[in-house]
Amino acid sequence: MTVFSYPCTFAEMSDRQAAEDPKIRRIIDELPHLRKDSWKKVRNLCETQFGKVLHAQSLDESLSLDGRRRLPLEFAVKTMKKDRVLKEPSGIECGRNEIYAARAIDSMNLPCVAKVYGTAQDSEHLYIIMEYCKRGDLCTFAGRCGGLQEENTLREIMTQILTAVAALHDAGIAHRDISLENVLIAEDGSLRLTDFAQAIIVRPQGDRTAREALVPGDVRGSLPGKIGYRAVEVVAGASYRATKLDVFAIGVLFYALVTGKYPFTCAQVDGQLFPPGEASAGRCRPLAAQLKRLGVSQKVSPGVVDLLQQLLAPNPEKRLTAQEALQHPWLVGDPDAVYEMPGADPGGRQEDEDFENTTVGSGGEATNDGDSDSFY
């Protein structure tokens, strides 16, 4: 029986099983063949590290990859150059890991996660065939909104994202690349989390009592996630809990939806996202004053500010889990309870006087306008 050391990627788990048991072949060696004349490209959706994501249509109504489940007539397909993926060493972003993770996660039937209809290959490419979300991604939606303060919509968005991530974490999986671009919008307006190229297994699957394994800090600069979404501990090169990295990234996503800007500049001074005095805090306390300075806190309820402060807490041990965030008073409809929470100061009263000398974004000197990088 193979004994694994966690955390590990899906690719590492599959490859080790195949290496230790001659009866087990690597999944990637047994992918079904996808005929090139069985489907056609409608348009390009986006470029990826290993290829493209296409909007596609089936040319064969009986097209099936597993002999049981027919593909829909309309789907999205991620195409990856086979030679590049097979030669690519395991790292933060790994095409083989995405294929293995997509297959494994789809079998779990988790809520608010993009459906994977199958994985396949031909002589040149590897394919992940997925649910087509015709309304695009959350980044495009956010760009059209220019800052979203309609709280019922915000509440629905956050509930669905946190539901997906809490289910992943409960299964012992961390995404590590949560962003606006990796949340898709289905035709009915519901959300789908996608892109598991950086996903890892942080504890034995099925063992909910096991403690999550720490991911070693990477001193070589190969960090998970997109630069604007990386948690304090990751940027500092420290070992980290990948599930808490996910929660921090959700906080960045939430902030970006509300303000139309990212909360931290990419020009991080000395690798710090927060002033040194805030490193152990269980809340991003200067955030309330920053939102007030941007004119946003007057447009949203204190519950929005409070949830943001806790998702973006610099101390990962005090940062909310995804499941805890789902129980936040603002999400469950008990706004008055926000003021009763320990350390709550959603109005930013304590920070108002010190805001000019406080840097939320870079750890350097405060900017004069309180602004940060826009994603529009």
Protein backbone atom coordinates (compact mmCIF):
# COMPACT_ATOMS: atom_id res chain seq x y z
CA MET A 1 0.00 0.00 0.00
CA THR A 2 1.38 3.39 -1.02
CA VAL A 3 1.90 5.80 1.87
CA PHE A 4 1.83 9.45 0.87
CA SER A 5 3.44 12.48 2.39
CA TYR A 6 1.16 15.50 2.42
CA PRO A 7 0.76 18.01 0.98
CA CYS A 8 1.10 16.58 -2.52
CA THR A 9 -0.24 17.32 -5.97
CA PHE A 10 -2.65 15.05 -7.80
CA ALA A 11 0.08 14.37 -10.36
CA GLU A 12 2.56 13.32 -7.68
CA MET A 13 0.03 10.96 -6.15
CA SER A 14 -0.84 9.34 -9.49
CA ASP A 15 2.77 9.01 -10.62
CA ARG A 16 3.86 7.48 -7.31
CA GLN A 17 1.04 4.95 -7.38
CA ALA A 18 2.02 3.94 -10.92
CA ALA A 19 5.70 3.68 -10.00
CA GLU A 20 5.07 1.44 -6.98
CA ASP A 21 2.40 -0.84 -8.48
CA PRO A 22 3.09 -2.33 -11.94
CA LYS A 23 -0.63 -3.05 -12.34
CA ILE A 24 -1.44 0.66 -12.25
CA ARG A 25 -0.84 2.75 -15.35
CA ARG A 26 -0.62 6.51 -15.26
CA ILE A 27 -3.99 8.11 -15.98
CA ILE A 28 -2.45 10.23 -18.68
CA ASP A 29 -1.33 7.12 -20.58
CA GLU A 30 -4.88 5.78 -20.74
CA LEU A 31 -6.85 8.87 -21.76
CA PRO A 32 -9.44 8.09 -24.46
CA HIS A 33 -8.85 9.34 -27.99
CA LEU A 34 -10.82 12.38 -29.18
CA ARG A 35 -11.35 12.41 -32.94
CA LYS A 36 -10.55 15.75 -34.52
CA ASP A 37 -13.56 15.43 -36.83
CA SER A 38 -15.99 14.92 -33.94
CA TRP A 39 -16.03 18.56 -32.81
CA LYS A 40 -15.30 22.07 -34.03
CA LYS A 41 -14.04 25.29 -32.50
CA VAL A 42 -16.53 28.14 -32.26
CA ARG A 43 -14.14 30.74 -30.83
CA ASN A 44 -11.18 31.24 -28.53
CA LEU A 45 -12.10 32.01 -24.93
CA CYS A 46 -8.67 32.59 -23.41
CA GLU A 47 -4.99 31.68 -23.55
CA THR A 48 -3.41 29.49 -20.87
CA GLN A 49 0.13 28.52 -19.94
CA PHE A 50 -0.10 25.26 -21.86
CA GLY A 51 -2.52 26.13 -24.66
CA LYS A 52 -6.01 27.59 -25.11
CA VAL A 53 -9.56 27.34 -23.84
CA LEU A 54 -12.09 27.14 -26.65
CA HIS A 55 -15.84 27.35 -27.00
CA ALA A 56 -16.63 24.20 -28.99
CA GLN A 57 -19.51 22.29 -30.53
CA SER A 58 -19.93 18.56 -31.00
CA LEU A 59 -20.38 17.33 -34.58
CA ASP A 60 -21.51 13.91 -33.39
CA GLU A 61 -24.64 13.69 -31.25
CA SER A 62 -23.49 10.36 -29.85
CA LEU A 63 -20.00 11.61 -28.94
CA SER A 64 -18.85 10.05 -25.67
CA LEU A 65 -15.45 9.70 -24.04
CA ASP A 66 -16.30 6.95 -21.58
CA GLY A 67 -18.98 5.01 -23.44
CA ARG A 68 -21.63 6.04 -20.91
CA ARG A 69 -22.00 9.79 -20.84
CA ARG A 70 -22.64 11.72 -24.04
CA LEU A 71 -21.01 15.10 -24.38
CA PRO A 72 -23.35 18.09 -24.66
CA LEU A 73 -23.62 19.73 -28.05
CA GLU A 74 -21.91 22.82 -26.65
CA PHE A 75 -18.93 22.73 -24.31
CA ALA A 76 -15.65 24.38 -23.37
CA VAL A 77 -12.41 22.55 -24.03
CA LYS A 78 -8.95 23.29 -22.68
CA THR A 79 -6.38 22.20 -25.23
CA MET A 80 -2.79 21.59 -24.13
CA LYS A 81 0.21 20.66 -26.26
CA LYS A 82 0.97 17.08 -25.32
CA ASP A 83 4.75 17.22 -25.75
CA ARG A 84 5.03 20.33 -23.59
CA VAL A 85 2.82 18.97 -20.80
CA LEU A 86 4.60 15.61 -20.68
CA LYS A 87 8.04 17.24 -20.57
CA GLU A 88 7.07 19.88 -18.01
CA PRO A 89 8.50 19.10 -14.55
CA SER A 90 6.14 19.18 -11.61
CA GLY A 91 5.84 22.70 -10.24
CA ILE A 92 3.33 25.26 -9.04
CA GLU A 93 1.50 25.25 -12.41
CA CYS A 94 1.36 21.77 -13.94
CA GLY A 95 -0.76 20.60 -16.88
CA ARG A 96 -0.72 16.97 -15.75
CA ASN A 97 -1.86 18.03 -12.31
CA GLU A 98 -4.79 19.92 -13.80
CA ILE A 99 -5.91 16.84 -15.73
CA TYR A 100 -5.66 14.56 -12.69
CA ALA A 101 -7.26 17.11 -10.36
CA ALA A 102 -10.13 17.83 -12.77
CA ARG A 103 -10.95 14.12 -12.98
CA ALA A 104 -10.74 13.56 -9.23
CA ILE A 105 -12.68 16.66 -8.22
CA ASP A 106 -15.41 16.08 -10.80
CA SER A 107 -16.03 12.61 -9.35
CA MET A 108 -16.77 14.26 -5.99
CA ASN A 109 -19.69 16.27 -7.44
CA LEU A 110 -18.90 19.35 -5.36
CA PRO A 111 -21.22 22.39 -5.38
CA CYS A 112 -20.42 25.46 -7.50
CA VAL A 113 -17.48 23.76 -9.25
CA ALA A 114 -17.30 23.66 -13.06
CA LYS A 115 -18.42 20.30 -14.44
CA VAL A 116 -15.81 18.22 -16.24
CA TYR A 117 -17.32 15.98 -18.90
CA GLY A 118 -14.10 14.15 -19.61
CA THR A 119 -10.41 14.22 -20.38
CA ALA A 120 -8.97 12.99 -23.68
CA GLN A 121 -6.06 13.11 -26.11
CA ASP A 122 -5.10 12.91 -29.76
CA SER A 123 -1.70 12.71 -31.37
CA GLU A 124 -0.80 16.33 -30.53
CA HIS A 125 -2.99 17.52 -27.69
CA LEU A 126 -4.40 16.72 -24.28
CA TYR A 127 -7.95 17.90 -23.59
CA ILE A 128 -10.11 18.78 -20.60
CA ILE A 129 -13.74 19.01 -21.74
CA MET A 130 -15.82 21.17 -19.43
CA GLU A 131 -19.10 22.89 -18.88
CA TYR A 132 -19.42 25.97 -21.10
CA CYS A 133 -20.33 29.05 -19.07
CA LYS A 134 -21.59 31.43 -21.71
CA ARG A 135 -21.68 34.53 -19.48
CA GLY A 136 -17.91 34.58 -19.08
CA ASP A 137 -15.90 35.03 -15.90
CA LEU A 138 -16.32 37.13 -12.79
CA CYS A 139 -13.50 39.47 -13.83
CA THR A 140 -15.44 40.51 -16.94
CA PHE A 141 -18.58 40.96 -14.87
CA ALA A 142 -16.73 43.05 -12.27
CA GLY A 143 -15.20 45.20 -15.00
CA ARG A 144 -18.64 46.08 -16.30
CA CYS A 145 -19.89 46.95 -12.80
CA GLY A 146 -17.08 49.35 -11.95
CA GLY A 147 -17.38 48.51 -8.25
CA LEU A 148 -20.38 46.55 -6.98
CA GLN A 149 -22.16 47.70 -3.85
CA GLU A 150 -25.53 45.98 -4.36
CA GLU A 151 -25.42 43.78 -1.30
CA ASN A 152 -27.89 41.08 -2.29
CA THR A 153 -25.78 40.38 -5.38
CA LEU A 154 -22.55 40.51 -3.37
CA ARG A 155 -24.04 38.16 -0.79
CA GLU A 156 -25.06 35.64 -3.44
CA ILE A 157 -21.64 35.76 -5.11
CA MET A 158 -19.75 35.29 -1.87
CA THR A 159 -22.03 32.51 -0.67
CA GLN A 160 -21.49 30.48 -3.83
CA ILE A 161 -17.71 30.98 -3.89
CA LEU A 162 -17.33 30.15 -0.21
CA THR A 163 -19.60 27.12 -0.62
CA ALA A 164 -17.38 25.75 -3.40
CA VAL A 165 -14.16 26.39 -1.47
CA ALA A 166 -15.50 25.05 1.83
CA ALA A 167 -16.49 21.82 0.05
CA LEU A 168 -13.01 21.55 -1.49
CA HIS A 169 -11.35 22.09 1.86
CA ASP A 170 -13.64 19.56 3.51
CA ALA A 171 -12.43 17.05 0.91
CA GLY A 172 -8.82 17.81 1.83
CA ILE A 173 -8.08 19.91 -1.28
CA ALA A 174 -6.79 23.47 -1.65
CA HIS A 175 -7.20 25.38 -4.92
CA ARG A 176 -4.27 27.87 -4.55
CA ASP A 177 -5.26 30.03 -7.55
CA ILE A 178 -8.60 31.59 -6.65
CA SER A 179 -9.20 34.79 -8.60
CA LEU A 180 -11.92 36.66 -10.47
CA GLU A 181 -10.73 35.01 -13.69
CA ASN A 182 -11.17 31.52 -12.24
CA VAL A 183 -14.83 31.95 -11.32
CA LEU A 184 -17.16 31.41 -14.28
CA ILE A 185 -20.80 32.48 -14.70
CA ALA A 186 -23.24 29.92 -16.07
CA GLU A 187 -26.20 30.82 -18.26
CA ASP A 188 -28.54 30.96 -15.25
CA GLY A 189 -26.18 33.32 -13.39
CA SER A 190 -24.82 30.73 -10.96
CA LEU A 191 -21.07 30.53 -10.40
CA ARG A 192 -18.52 27.83 -11.11
CA LEU A 193 -15.01 27.59 -9.67
CA THR A 194 -12.53 26.33 -12.27
CA ASP A 195 -8.81 25.84 -13.11
CA PHE A 196 -7.21 23.32 -10.76
CA ALA A 197 -3.69 23.37 -12.21
CA GLN A 198 -2.26 24.45 -8.84
CA ALA A 199 -4.55 22.35 -6.63
CA ILE A 200 -2.99 20.17 -3.95
CA ILE A 201 -4.13 17.55 -1.45
CA VAL A 202 -3.41 18.81 2.06
CA ARG A 203 -4.51 15.81 4.12
CA PRO A 204 -5.63 12.23 3.49
CA GLN A 205 -8.91 12.31 1.62
CA GLY A 206 -11.79 11.01 3.70
CA ASP A 207 -9.97 11.70 6.98
CA ARG A 208 -11.58 14.85 8.34
CA THR A 209 -9.77 14.49 11.66
CA ALA A 210 -6.28 14.82 10.15
CA ARG A 211 -4.58 18.19 10.56
CA GLU A 212 -3.83 20.05 7.37
CA ALA A 213 -0.19 19.72 6.34
CA LEU A 214 1.87 22.87 5.88
CA VAL A 215 3.27 23.69 2.44
CA PRO A 216 7.00 24.58 2.70
CA GLY A 217 7.87 28.16 1.83
CA ASP A 218 9.55 28.50 -1.57
CA VAL A 219 12.70 30.59 -1.48
CA ARG A 220 13.13 30.33 -5.27
CA GLY A 221 10.30 32.72 -5.97
CA SER A 222 7.91 30.12 -7.38
CA LEU A 223 4.81 31.19 -5.51
CA PRO A 224 1.22 29.96 -5.88
CA GLY A 225 -1.61 32.11 -7.15
CA LYS A 226 -1.68 35.42 -8.96
CA ILE A 227 0.49 38.19 -7.59
CA GLY A 228 -2.32 40.43 -6.33
CA TYR A 229 -4.01 37.55 -4.48
CA ARG A 230 -1.09 36.13 -2.51
CA ALA A 231 -1.39 36.02 1.25
CA VAL A 232 1.07 37.72 3.59
CA GLU A 233 2.73 34.51 4.69
CA VAL A 234 3.23 33.30 1.10
CA VAL A 235 4.88 36.53 -0.01
CA ALA A 236 7.14 36.36 3.04
CA GLY A 237 8.36 32.90 1.94
CA ALA A 238 7.07 31.20 5.09
CA SER A 239 5.45 27.79 5.25
CA TYR A 240 1.71 28.13 4.84
CA ARG A 241 -1.63 26.43 5.12
CA ALA A 242 -2.97 26.32 1.58
CA THR A 243 -6.59 26.54 2.71
CA LYS A 244 -5.83 29.84 4.45
CA LEU A 245 -4.18 31.07 1.25
CA ASP A 246 -7.50 30.34 -0.50
CA VAL A 247 -9.43 32.35 2.07
CA PHE A 248 -7.11 35.34 1.70
CA ALA A 249 -7.55 35.18 -2.10
CA ILE A 250 -11.33 35.19 -1.62
CA GLY A 251 -10.89 38.34 0.45
CA VAL A 252 -8.95 39.99 -2.37
CA LEU A 253 -11.64 38.92 -4.84
CA PHE A 254 -14.35 40.34 -2.56
CA TYR A 255 -12.51 43.63 -2.16
CA ALA A 256 -12.03 43.90 -5.93
CA LEU A 257 -15.72 43.33 -6.54
CA VAL A 258 -16.72 46.01 -4.04
CA THR A 259 -14.19 48.70 -4.97
CA GLY A 260 -13.15 47.96 -8.56
CA LYS A 261 -9.54 47.84 -7.36
CA TYR A 262 -7.15 45.37 -5.83
CA PRO A 263 -6.36 46.07 -2.17
CA PHE A 264 -2.60 45.75 -2.49
CA THR A 265 -0.17 47.17 -5.01
CA CYS A 266 2.10 44.77 -6.87
CA ALA A 267 5.14 46.86 -5.83
CA GLN A 268 5.47 45.23 -2.43
CA VAL A 269 8.24 46.76 -0.34
CA ASP A 270 10.39 44.21 1.50
CA GLY A 271 7.82 41.53 0.68
CA GLN A 272 5.33 42.99 3.19
CA LEU A 273 1.63 43.50 2.58
CA PHE A 274 1.04 45.00 6.01
CA PRO A 275 2.90 47.26 8.41
CA PRO A 276 5.08 45.20 10.78
CA GLY A 277 2.84 46.02 13.73
CA GLU A 278 -0.12 44.36 12.00
CA ALA A 279 1.55 41.03 11.17
CA SER A 280 -0.07 39.13 14.04
CA ALA A 281 -3.51 40.73 13.78
CA GLY A 282 -6.66 38.68 13.35
CA ARG A 283 -8.16 41.42 11.19
CA CYS A 284 -6.92 43.72 8.46
CA ARG A 285 -7.61 46.68 10.70
CA PRO A 286 -6.40 49.52 8.45
CA LEU A 287 -8.79 48.31 5.72
CA ALA A 288 -11.85 50.05 7.15
CA ALA A 289 -10.17 53.45 7.01
CA GLN A 290 -8.94 52.77 3.48
CA LEU A 291 -12.46 51.92 2.33
CA LYS A 292 -13.74 55.08 4.00
CA ARG A 293 -11.08 57.11 2.23
CA LEU A 294 -12.15 55.59 -1.11
CA GLY A 295 -15.77 56.51 -0.40
CA VAL A 296 -16.86 52.88 -0.37
CA SER A 297 -17.65 52.29 3.29
CA GLN A 298 -20.48 54.83 3.03
CA LYS A 299 -22.07 52.71 0.28
CA VAL A 300 -21.97 49.31 1.96
CA SER A 301 -23.06 48.00 5.33
CA PRO A 302 -20.63 47.48 8.23
CA GLY A 303 -21.01 43.74 7.69
CA VAL A 304 -19.24 43.94 4.32
CA VAL A 305 -16.32 45.78 5.90
CA ASP A 306 -16.13 43.38 8.81
CA LEU A 307 -16.09 40.29 6.58
CA LEU A 308 -13.38 41.83 4.42
CA GLN A 309 -11.26 42.57 7.48
CA GLN A 310 -11.48 38.96 8.65
CA LEU A 311 -10.87 37.34 5.24
CA LEU A 312 -7.78 39.51 4.79
CA ALA A 313 -6.42 38.97 8.30
CA PRO A 314 -2.60 39.03 8.15
CA ASN A 315 -2.28 36.26 10.75
CA PRO A 316 -3.32 33.02 8.99
CA GLU A 317 -4.02 31.24 12.30
CA LYS A 318 -6.61 33.90 13.13
CA ARG A 319 -7.97 34.22 9.59
CA LEU A 320 -11.41 32.74 9.04
CA THR A 321 -11.84 29.36 7.41
CA ALA A 322 -14.16 29.16 4.42
CA GLN A 323 -16.75 27.37 6.55
CA GLU A 324 -16.53 30.02 9.27
CA ALA A 325 -16.89 32.76 6.68
CA LEU A 326 -20.14 31.15 5.49
CA GLN A 327 -21.51 31.70 9.02
CA HIS A 328 -20.58 35.39 9.12
CA PRO A 329 -23.55 37.51 10.28
CA TRP A 330 -23.60 39.54 7.07
CA LEU A 331 -23.99 36.38 4.98
CA VAL A 332 -26.59 34.70 7.19
CA GLY A 333 -28.74 37.82 7.59
CA ASP A 334 -27.92 38.92 11.14
CA PRO A 335 -26.20 42.30 10.58
CA ASP A 336 -26.57 43.51 14.17
CA ALA A 337 -24.37 40.65 15.35
CA VAL A 338 -21.42 42.20 13.51
CA TYR A 339 -20.97 44.75 16.28
CA GLU A 340 -20.90 42.00 18.91
CA MET A 341 -17.98 40.14 17.32
CA PRO A 342 -14.62 40.33 19.17
CA GLY A 343 -12.42 43.08 17.79
CA ALA A 344 -15.09 44.41 15.46
CA ASP A 345 -14.62 48.00 14.29
CA PRO A 346 -16.28 48.01 10.86
CA GLY A 347 -16.52 51.80 10.84
CA GLY A 348 -12.73 52.13 11.06
CA ARG A 349 -12.95 54.62 13.92
CA GLN A 350 -9.71 53.46 15.55
CA GLU A 351 -7.76 53.79 12.34
CA ASP A 352 -9.01 57.16 11.12
CA GLU A 353 -6.39 59.23 12.92
CA ASP A 354 -3.53 56.94 11.90
CA PHE A 355 -4.53 56.32 8.31
CA GLU A 356 -2.10 58.80 6.80
CA ASN A 357 0.80 56.86 8.35
CA THR A 358 -0.53 53.38 7.61
CA THR A 359 0.17 51.31 4.54
CA VAL A 360 -2.23 48.50 3.80
CA GLY A 361 -0.77 47.68 0.43
CA SER A 362 2.99 47.68 0.33
CA GLY A 363 4.54 47.90 3.77
CA GLY A 364 6.25 51.12 2.70
CA GLU A 365 5.12 54.72 2.97
CA ALA A 366 1.44 55.53 2.73
CA THR A 367 0.17 56.96 -0.53
CA ASN A 368 -1.57 60.31 -0.53
CA ASP A 369 -4.75 59.17 -2.24
CA GLY A 370 -5.29 55.79 -0.59
CA ASP A 371 -5.63 54.25 -4.07
CA SER A 372 -4.28 50.93 -5.30
CA ASP A 373 -4.05 48.99 -8.54
CA SER A 374 -7.24 48.91 -10.60
CA PHE A 375 -8.14 45.85 -12.62
CA TYR A 376 -10.19 47.80 -15.16
